[in-house]
PDB file of N, CA and C in Angstrom:
ATOM      1  N   MET A   1      -4.968   4.620 -20.425  1.00  0.00           N
ATOM      2  CA  MET A   1      -4.316   3.676 -19.406  1.00  0.00           C
ATOM      3  C   MET A   1      -3.727   2.740 -20.650  1.00  0.00           C
ATOM      4  N   THR A   2      -2.290   2.037 -20.103  1.00  0.00           N
ATOM      5  CA  THR A   2      -1.323   1.490 -21.291  1.00  0.00           C
ATOM      6  C   THR A   2      -1.733  -0.050 -21.246  1.00  0.00           C
ATOM      7  N   ASP A   3      -0.745  -0.607 -21.240  1.00  0.00           N
ATOM      8  CA  ASP A   3      -1.050  -1.923 -21.918  1.00  0.00           C
ATOM      9  C   ASP A   3      -0.902  -2.628 -20.521  1.00  0.00           C
ATOM     10  N   THR A   4      -2.516  -3.513 -20.566  1.00  0.00           N
ATOM     11  CA  THR A   4      -2.674  -3.790 -19.259  1.00  0.00           C
ATOM     12  C   THR A   4      -1.613  -5.292 -18.450  1.00  0.00           C
ATOM     13  N   PHE A   5      -1.315  -5.678 -19.837  1.00  0.00           N
ATOM     14  CA  PHE A   5      -0.657  -7.288 -19.664  1.00  0.00           C
ATOM     15  C   PHE A   5       0.762  -7.317 -19.932  1.00  0.00           C
ATOM     16  N   GLY A   6       1.244  -6.054 -20.114  1.00  0.00           N
ATOM     17  CA  GLY A   6       2.623  -5.694 -20.418  1.00  0.00           C
ATOM     18  C   GLY A   6       3.538  -5.449 -19.396  1.00  0.00           C
ATOM     19  N   LYS A   7       4.529  -5.431 -19.198  1.00  0.00           N
ATOM     20  CA  LYS A   7       5.369  -5.179 -18.040  1.00  0.00           C
ATOM     21  C   LYS A   7       5.265  -3.877 -17.510  1.00  0.00           C
ATOM     22  N   CYS A   8       5.041  -3.782 -15.804  1.00  0.00           N
ATOM     23  CA  CYS A   8       4.947  -2.752 -15.216  1.00  0.00           C
ATOM     24  C   CYS A   8       6.443  -2.323 -14.659  1.00  0.00           C
ATOM     25  N   GLU A   9       6.428  -0.762 -15.146  1.00  0.00           N
ATOM     26  CA  GLU A   9       7.618  -0.231 -14.647  1.00  0.00           C
ATOM     27  C   GLU A   9       7.095   0.396 -13.403  1.00  0.00           C
ATOM     28  N   CYS A  10       6.572   0.166 -13.141  1.00  0.00           N
ATOM     29  CA  CYS A  10       6.169   1.195 -11.877  1.00  0.00           C
ATOM     30  C   CYS A  10       6.486   1.103 -10.246  1.00  0.00           C
ATOM     31  N   LYS A  11       6.318   1.429  -9.462  1.00  0.00           N
ATOM     32  CA  LYS A  11       7.142   0.887  -8.314  1.00  0.00           C
ATOM     33  C   LYS A  11       5.897   0.526  -7.316  1.00  0.00           C
ATOM     34  N   ALA A  12       6.296  -0.853  -6.822  1.00  0.00           N
ATOM     35  CA  ALA A  12       5.234  -0.936  -6.140  1.00  0.00           C
ATOM     36  C   ALA A  12       5.712  -0.613  -4.732  1.00  0.00           C
ATOM     37  N   GLN A  13       4.393  -0.411  -4.046  1.00  0.00           N
ATOM     38  CA  GLN A  13       4.532   0.164  -3.106  1.00  0.00           C
ATOM     39  C   GLN A  13       2.735  -0.046  -2.554  1.00  0.00           C
ATOM     40  N   TYR A  14       3.182   0.782  -1.230  1.00  0.00           N
ATOM     41  CA  TYR A  14       1.534   0.343  -0.251  1.00  0.00           C
ATOM     42  C   TYR A  14       0.924   1.888  -0.633  1.00  0.00           C
ATOM     43  N   THR A  15      -0.475   2.214  -0.967  1.00  0.00           N
ATOM     44  CA  THR A  15      -1.314   3.014  -1.239  1.00  0.00           C
ATOM     45  C   THR A  15      -2.503   3.095  -0.117  1.00  0.00           C
ATOM     46  N   ILE A  16      -3.409   4.109   0.004  1.00  0.00           N
ATOM     47  CA  ILE A  16      -4.418   4.329   0.791  1.00  0.00           C
ATOM     48  C   ILE A  16      -5.412   5.368  -0.426  1.00  0.00           C
ATOM     49  N   GLU A  17      -6.355   4.356  -0.649  1.00  0.00           N
ATOM     50  CA  GLU A  17      -7.293   5.738  -1.398  1.00  0.00           C
ATOM     51  C   GLU A  17      -8.844   5.423  -1.439  1.00  0.00           C
ATOM     52  N   PRO A  18      -9.310   6.373  -1.727  1.00  0.00           N
ATOM     53  CA  PRO A  18     -10.743   6.040  -1.357  1.00  0.00           C
ATOM     54  C   PRO A  18     -11.520   4.798  -2.200  1.00  0.00           C
ATOM     55  N   HIS A  19     -12.323   4.393  -1.334  1.00  0.00           N
ATOM     56  CA  HIS A  19     -13.157   3.189  -1.750  1.00  0.00           C
ATOM     57  C   HIS A  19     -14.204   2.967  -1.123  1.00  0.00           C
ATOM     58  N   GLY A  20     -15.126   3.156  -1.875  1.00  0.00           N
ATOM     59  CA  GLY A  20     -16.863   3.031  -1.301  1.00  0.00           C
ATOM     60  C   GLY A  20     -17.091   3.411  -0.681  1.00  0.00           C
ATOM     61  N   ASP A  21     -17.196   3.612   0.687  1.00  0.00           N
ATOM     62  CA  ASP A  21     -17.816   4.189   1.929  1.00  0.00           C
ATOM     63  C   ASP A  21     -16.795   5.059   2.969  1.00  0.00           C
ATOM     64  N   GLY A  22     -15.425   4.246   2.577  1.00  0.00           N
ATOM     65  CA  GLY A  22     -14.413   4.372   3.134  1.00  0.00           C
ATOM     66  C   GLY A  22     -12.888   4.522   2.495  1.00  0.00           C
ATOM     67  N   TYR A  23     -12.088   3.928   2.658  1.00  0.00           N
ATOM     68  CA  TYR A  23     -10.773   3.644   2.198  1.00  0.00           C
ATOM     69  C   TYR A  23     -10.184   1.980   1.499  1.00  0.00           C
ATOM     70  N   ALA A  24      -9.042   2.211   0.561  1.00  0.00           N
ATOM     71  CA  ALA A  24      -8.738   0.576   0.831  1.00  0.00           C
ATOM     72  C   ALA A  24      -7.055   1.081   0.541  1.00  0.00           C
ATOM     73  N   LEU A  25      -6.562  -0.036   1.577  1.00  0.00           N
ATOM     74  CA  LEU A  25      -5.294  -0.053   1.453  1.00  0.00           C
ATOM     75  C   LEU A  25      -4.480  -1.083   0.413  1.00  0.00           C
ATOM     76  N   TYR A  26      -3.929  -0.906  -0.929  1.00  0.00           N
ATOM     77  CA  TYR A  26      -3.620  -1.177  -1.944  1.00  0.00           C
ATOM     78  C   TYR A  26      -2.056  -1.644  -1.995  1.00  0.00           C
ATOM     79  N   TYR A  27      -2.023  -2.549  -2.364  1.00  0.00           N
ATOM     80  CA  TYR A  27      -0.097  -2.754  -2.613  1.00  0.00           C
ATOM     81  C   TYR A  27      -0.303  -3.101  -4.218  1.00  0.00           C
ATOM     82  N   GLY A  28       0.971  -2.790  -4.841  1.00  0.00           N
ATOM     83  CA  GLY A  28       1.251  -2.503  -6.435  1.00  0.00           C
ATOM     84  C   GLY A  28       0.265  -1.473  -7.794  1.00  0.00           C
ATOM     85  N   ARG A  29      -0.612  -0.919  -6.593  1.00  0.00           N
ATOM     86  CA  ARG A  29      -1.638  -0.137  -7.388  1.00  0.00           C
ATOM     87  C   ARG A  29      -0.893   0.898  -7.983  1.00  0.00           C
ATOM     88  N   CYS A  30      -1.084   0.992  -9.168  1.00  0.00           N
ATOM     89  CA  CYS A  30      -0.713   2.389 -10.545  1.00  0.00           C
ATOM     90  C   CYS A  30      -2.114   2.826 -11.455  1.00  0.00           C
ATOM     91  N   PRO A  31      -1.738   3.833 -12.046  1.00  0.00           N
ATOM     92  CA  PRO A  31      -2.526   4.057 -12.837  1.00  0.00           C
ATOM     93  C   PRO A  31      -3.162   3.201 -14.208  1.00  0.00           C
ATOM     94  N   HIS A  32      -2.280   1.657 -14.362  1.00  0.00           N
ATOM     95  CA  HIS A  32      -2.310   0.665 -15.267  1.00  0.00           C
ATOM     96  C   HIS A  32      -2.851   0.106 -14.914  1.00  0.00           C
ATOM     97  N   ARG A  33      -2.894  -0.453 -13.515  1.00  0.00           N
ATOM     98  CA  ARG A  33      -2.451  -1.812 -12.882  1.00  0.00           C
ATOM     99  C   ARG A  33      -3.739  -1.167 -11.698  1.00  0.00           C
ATOM    100  N   HIS A  34      -4.771  -2.293 -11.295  1.00  0.00           N
ATOM    101  CA  HIS A  34      -5.357  -2.180 -10.156  1.00  0.00           C
ATOM    102  C   HIS A  34      -4.829  -2.807  -8.789  1.00  0.00           C
ATOM    103  N   GLY A  35      -3.801  -3.255  -8.664  1.00  0.00           N
ATOM    104  CA  GLY A  35      -3.221  -3.799  -7.721  1.00  0.00           C
ATOM    105  C   GLY A  35      -4.254  -4.764  -6.699  1.00  0.00           C
ATOM    106  N   TYR A  36      -2.969  -5.007  -5.428  1.00  0.00           N
ATOM    107  CA  TYR A  36      -4.286  -6.132  -4.687  1.00  0.00           C
ATOM    108  C   TYR A  36      -4.901  -4.824  -3.269  1.00  0.00           C
ATOM    109  N   ASN A  37      -6.244  -5.310  -3.160  1.00  0.00           N
ATOM    110  CA  ASN A  37      -6.524  -4.519  -2.192  1.00  0.00           C
ATOM    111  C   ASN A  37      -6.548  -5.562  -0.904  1.00  0.00           C
ATOM    112  N   LEU A  38      -6.092  -5.034  -0.382  1.00  0.00           N
ATOM    113  CA  LEU A  38      -5.636  -5.531   1.067  1.00  0.00           C
ATOM    114  C   LEU A  38      -6.549  -5.651   2.189  1.00  0.00           C
ATOM    115  N   ILE A  39      -6.963  -4.118   2.498  1.00  0.00           N
ATOM    116  CA  ILE A  39      -7.769  -4.303   3.361  1.00  0.00           C
ATOM    117  C   ILE A  39      -9.080  -2.973   3.180  1.00  0.00           C
ATOM    118  N   ASN A  40     -10.311  -3.098   3.645  1.00  0.00           N
ATOM    119  CA  ASN A  40     -10.897  -2.042   3.870  1.00  0.00           C
ATOM    120  C   ASN A  40     -11.129  -1.337   4.910  1.00  0.00           C
ATOM    121  N   MET A  41     -11.245   0.159   4.947  1.00  0.00           N
ATOM    122  CA  MET A  41     -10.980   0.659   6.275  1.00  0.00           C
ATOM    123  C   MET A  41     -11.826   1.669   6.259  1.00  0.00           C
ATOM    124  N   VAL A  42     -13.160   1.950   7.055  1.00  0.00           N
ATOM    125  CA  VAL A  42     -15.006   2.019   7.178  1.00  0.00           C
ATOM    126  C   VAL A  42     -14.538   3.044   8.504  1.00  0.00           C
ATOM    127  N   GLU A  43     -15.114   4.117   8.502  1.00  0.00           N
ATOM    128  CA  GLU A  43     -14.942   5.014   9.917  1.00  0.00           C
ATOM    129  C   GLU A  43     -13.746   5.337  10.184  1.00  0.00           C
ATOM    130  N   PRO A  44     -13.026   5.786   9.515  1.00  0.00           N
ATOM    131  CA  PRO A  44     -11.700   7.026  10.055  1.00  0.00           C
ATOM    132  C   PRO A  44     -11.412   7.433  11.076  1.00  0.00           C
ATOM    133  N   ALA A  45     -10.673   7.654  11.979  1.00  0.00           N
ATOM    134  CA  ALA A  45     -10.609   8.809  12.800  1.00  0.00           C
ATOM    135  C   ALA A  45     -10.698  10.027  12.411  1.00  0.00           C
ATOM    136  N   PHE A  46     -11.151  10.855  13.390  1.00  0.00           N
ATOM    137  CA  PHE A  46     -11.423  12.834  12.629  1.00  0.00           C
ATOM    138  C   PHE A  46     -10.239  12.915  12.380  1.00  0.00           C
ATOM    139  N   ASN A  47      -8.769  12.413  12.550  1.00  0.00           N
ATOM    140  CA  ASN A  47      -7.803  13.222  11.964  1.00  0.00           C
ATOM    141  C   ASN A  47      -6.734  11.876  11.597  1.00  0.00           C
ATOM    142  N   PHE A  48      -8.015  11.310  10.022  1.00  0.00           N
ATOM    143  CA  PHE A  48      -7.579   9.847   9.215  1.00  0.00           C
ATOM    144  C   PHE A  48      -6.460  11.104   8.429  1.00  0.00           C
ATOM    145  N   GLU A  49      -5.405  10.512   8.321  1.00  0.00           N
ATOM    146  CA  GLU A  49      -4.064  10.985   7.311  1.00  0.00           C
ATOM    147  C   GLU A  49      -3.166  10.207   6.656  1.00  0.00           C
ATOM    148  N   PRO A  50      -4.751   9.792   4.972  1.00  0.00           N
ATOM    149  CA  PRO A  50      -3.563   8.869   4.505  1.00  0.00           C
ATOM    150  C   PRO A  50      -2.198   8.601   4.162  1.00  0.00           C
ATOM    151  N   ARG A  51      -1.509   9.870   3.488  1.00  0.00           N
ATOM    152  CA  ARG A  51      -0.687   9.472   3.020  1.00  0.00           C
ATOM    153  C   ARG A  51       0.557   9.386   4.079  1.00  0.00           C
ATOM    154  N   HIS A  52       0.295   9.822   5.209  1.00  0.00           N
ATOM    155  CA  HIS A  52       0.895   9.585   7.127  1.00  0.00           C
ATOM    156  C   HIS A  52       0.881   8.469   6.985  1.00  0.00           C
ATOM    157  N   ILE A  53       0.094   7.839   6.907  1.00  0.00           N
ATOM    158  CA  ILE A  53      -0.020   5.867   7.231  1.00  0.00           C
ATOM    159  C   ILE A  53       0.821   5.572   5.858  1.00  0.00           C
ATOM    160  N   GLU A  54       0.754   5.818   4.813  1.00  0.00           N
ATOM    161  CA  GLU A  54       0.996   5.340   3.528  1.00  0.00           C
ATOM    162  C   GLU A  54       2.999   5.356   3.778  1.00  0.00           C
ATOM    163  N   LYS A  55       3.453   6.335   4.201  1.00  0.00           N
ATOM    164  CA  LYS A  55       4.679   6.865   3.981  1.00  0.00           C
ATOM    165  C   LYS A  55       5.099   5.882   5.441  1.00  0.00           C
ATOM    166  N   LEU A  56       4.425   5.920   6.417  1.00  0.00           N
ATOM    167  CA  LEU A  56       4.689   4.731   7.822  1.00  0.00           C
ATOM    168  C   LEU A  56       4.678   2.940   7.438  1.00  0.00           C
ATOM    169  N   ILE A  57       4.113   2.986   6.340  1.00  0.00           N
ATOM    170  CA  ILE A  57       4.221   1.478   5.652  1.00  0.00           C
ATOM    171  C   ILE A  57       5.120   1.238   5.262  1.00  0.00           C
ATOM    172  N   ASN A  58       5.272   2.651   4.147  1.00  0.00           N
ATOM    173  CA  ASN A  58       6.076   1.953   2.651  1.00  0.00           C
ATOM    174  C   ASN A  58       7.976   2.167   3.830  1.00  0.00           C
ATOM    175  N   LEU A  59       7.830   3.256   4.638  1.00  0.00           N
ATOM    176  CA  LEU A  59       9.423   3.103   4.877  1.00  0.00           C
ATOM    177  C   LEU A  59       9.536   1.653   5.992  1.00  0.00           C
ATOM    178  N   GLY A  60       8.474   0.961   6.551  1.00  0.00           N
ATOM    179  CA  GLY A  60       8.758  -0.298   7.221  1.00  0.00           C
ATOM    180  C   GLY A  60       8.855  -1.579   6.310  1.00  0.00           C
ATOM    181  N   ASP A  61       8.581  -1.301   5.344  1.00  0.00           N
ATOM    182  CA  ASP A  61       8.417  -2.246   3.968  1.00  0.00           C
ATOM    183  C   ASP A  61      10.103  -2.073   3.294  1.00  0.00           C
ATOM    184  N   ALA A  62      10.184  -1.250   3.535  1.00  0.00           N
ATOM    185  CA  ALA A  62      11.466  -0.771   2.858  1.00  0.00           C
ATOM    186  C   ALA A  62      12.718  -1.800   3.678  1.00  0.00           C
ATOM    187  N   GLU A  63      12.483  -1.249   5.060  1.00  0.00           N
ATOM    188  CA  GLU A  63      13.815  -1.981   5.952  1.00  0.00           C
ATOM    189  C   GLU A  63      13.183  -3.522   6.166  1.00  0.00           C
ATOM    190  N   TYR A  64      12.028  -3.879   5.697  1.00  0.00           N
ATOM    191  CA  TYR A  64      11.937  -5.107   6.487  1.00  0.00           C
ATOM    192  C   TYR A  64      12.596  -5.920   4.743  1.00  0.00           C
ATOM    193  N   GLN A  65      12.640  -5.502   3.710  1.00  0.00           N
ATOM    194  CA  GLN A  65      12.801  -6.097   2.606  1.00  0.00           C
ATOM    195  C   GLN A  65      14.311  -6.270   2.438  1.00  0.00           C
ATOM    196  N   LYS A  66      15.123  -5.657   3.483  1.00  0.00           N
ATOM    197  CA  LYS A  66      16.223  -5.326   3.453  1.00  0.00           C
ATOM    198  C   LYS A  66      16.743  -6.741   4.257  1.00  0.00           C
ATOM    199  N   ASN A  67      16.493  -7.234   5.120  1.00  0.00           N
ATOM    200  CA  ASN A  67      16.432  -8.805   5.728  1.00  0.00           C
ATOM    201  C   ASN A  67      15.160  -9.588   5.919  1.00  0.00           C
ATOM    202  N   PRO A  68      14.139  -9.985   5.143  1.00  0.00           N
ATOM    203  CA  PRO A  68      13.213 -10.150   5.238  1.00  0.00           C
ATOM    204  C   PRO A  68      12.992 -12.042   5.732  1.00  0.00           C
ATOM    205  N   ASP A  69      14.010 -12.288   6.183  1.00  0.00           N
ATOM    206  CA  ASP A  69      14.093 -13.470   6.449  1.00  0.00           C
ATOM    207  C   ASP A  69      14.933 -13.762   8.097  1.00  0.00           C
ATOM    208  N   GLY A  70      14.941 -12.630   8.730  1.00  0.00           N
ATOM    209  CA  GLY A  70      15.971 -12.724   9.600  1.00  0.00           C
ATOM    210  C   GLY A  70      15.533 -11.751  10.440  1.00  0.00           C
ATOM    211  N   GLY A  71      16.238 -11.425  11.676  1.00  0.00           N
ATOM    212  CA  GLY A  71      15.726 -10.266  12.610  1.00  0.00           C
ATOM    213  C   GLY A  71      15.124 -10.916  13.837  1.00  0.00           C
ATOM    214  N   GLU A  72      14.184 -10.487  14.608  1.00  0.00           N
ATOM    215  CA  GLU A  72      13.876 -10.427  16.373  1.00  0.00           C
ATOM    216  C   GLU A  72      12.585 -10.106  15.799  1.00  0.00           C
ATOM    217  N   TRP A  73      11.519 -11.319  16.345  1.00  0.00           N
ATOM    218  CA  TRP A  73      10.364 -10.827  16.378  1.00  0.00           C
ATOM    219  C   TRP A  73      10.063 -10.305  17.411  1.00  0.00           C
ATOM    220  N   ALA A  74       9.194  -9.212  17.168  1.00  0.00           N
ATOM    221  CA  ALA A  74       8.548  -7.740  18.605  1.00  0.00           C
ATOM    222  C   ALA A  74       8.129  -9.269  19.704  1.00  0.00           C
ATOM    223  N   GLU A  75       8.145  -8.599  20.437  1.00  0.00           N
ATOM    224  CA  GLU A  75       7.223  -9.692  21.361  1.00  0.00           C
ATOM    225  C   GLU A  75       6.372  -8.169  21.976  1.00  0.00           C
TER     226      GLU A  75
END
Protein backbone atom coordinates (compact mmCIF):
# COMPACT_ATOMS: atom_id res chain seq x y z
CA MET A 1 0.00 0.00 0.00
CA THR A 2 1.33 3.43 -0.89
CA ASP A 3 0.91 6.75 0.87
CA THR A 4 -2.78 6.95 1.77
CA PHE A 5 -2.67 10.74 2.06
CA GLY A 6 -0.63 11.50 -1.05
CA LYS A 7 -2.00 12.46 -4.44
CA CYS A 8 -3.77 9.53 -6.08
CA GLU A 9 -2.90 8.93 -9.75
CA CYS A 10 -5.42 6.11 -10.18
CA LYS A 11 -8.40 6.51 -12.48
CA ALA A 12 -11.56 7.34 -10.52
CA GLN A 13 -14.28 4.99 -11.70
CA TYR A 14 -17.15 2.86 -10.43
CA THR A 15 -16.44 -0.69 -9.31
CA ILE A 16 -18.49 -3.52 -7.83
CA GLU A 17 -16.73 -5.69 -5.28
CA PRO A 18 -17.67 -8.37 -2.76
CA HIS A 19 -18.72 -6.84 0.54
CA GLY A 20 -20.11 -8.79 3.49
CA ASP A 21 -22.83 -11.16 2.28
CA GLY A 22 -23.26 -9.33 -1.02
CA TYR A 23 -21.56 -6.66 -3.11
CA ALA A 24 -20.85 -2.95 -2.87
CA LEU A 25 -20.80 -0.31 -5.58
CA TYR A 26 -17.80 1.94 -5.00
CA TYR A 27 -16.60 5.14 -6.63
CA GLY A 28 -12.90 5.91 -6.62
CA ARG A 29 -11.72 2.65 -5.04
CA CYS A 30 -8.18 1.57 -5.89
CA PRO A 31 -5.46 -0.56 -4.26
CA HIS A 32 -4.49 2.23 -1.87
CA ARG A 33 -7.77 4.15 -1.39
CA HIS A 34 -11.04 2.87 0.06
CA GLY A 35 -13.21 5.04 -2.19
CA TYR A 36 -16.87 5.83 -1.57
CA ASN A 37 -19.21 2.95 -0.77
CA LEU A 38 -22.33 4.10 -2.62
CA ILE A 39 -24.65 1.15 -2.18
CA ASN A 40 -24.69 -2.38 -0.77
CA MET A 41 -26.32 -5.05 -2.90
CA VAL A 42 -27.60 -8.31 -1.43
CA GLU A 43 -29.39 -11.22 -3.04
CA PRO A 44 -28.18 -10.57 -6.61
CA ALA A 45 -29.89 -12.38 -9.48
CA PHE A 46 -28.57 -15.76 -10.56
CA ASN A 47 -27.05 -14.16 -13.67
CA PHE A 48 -25.51 -11.16 -11.84
CA GLU A 49 -22.40 -10.04 -13.72
CA PRO A 50 -20.63 -7.22 -11.84
CA ARG A 51 -18.08 -6.43 -14.60
CA HIS A 52 -20.86 -5.87 -17.15
CA ILE A 53 -22.71 -3.53 -14.77
CA GLU A 54 -19.45 -1.65 -14.02
CA LYS A 55 -18.88 -1.17 -17.76
CA LEU A 56 -22.38 0.23 -18.31
CA ILE A 57 -22.15 2.60 -15.32
CA ASN A 58 -18.70 3.87 -16.34
CA LEU A 59 -19.78 4.39 -19.97
CA GLY A 60 -22.79 6.36 -18.76
CA ASP A 61 -20.61 8.46 -16.46
CA ALA A 62 -18.21 9.23 -19.32
CA GLU A 63 -21.12 10.52 -21.42
CA TYR A 64 -22.49 12.53 -18.51
CA GLN A 65 -19.09 14.19 -17.92
CA LYS A 66 -19.21 15.59 -21.46
CA ASN A 67 -22.18 17.81 -20.52
CA PRO A 68 -22.91 17.59 -16.77
CA ASP A 69 -25.08 20.72 -16.59
CA GLY A 70 -27.11 20.42 -19.76
CA GLY A 71 -29.17 18.05 -21.78
CA GLU A 72 -32.70 16.85 -21.43
CA TRP A 73 -34.12 14.97 -18.49
CA ALA A 74 -35.51 11.56 -19.36
CA GLU A 75 -39.15 11.22 -18.58
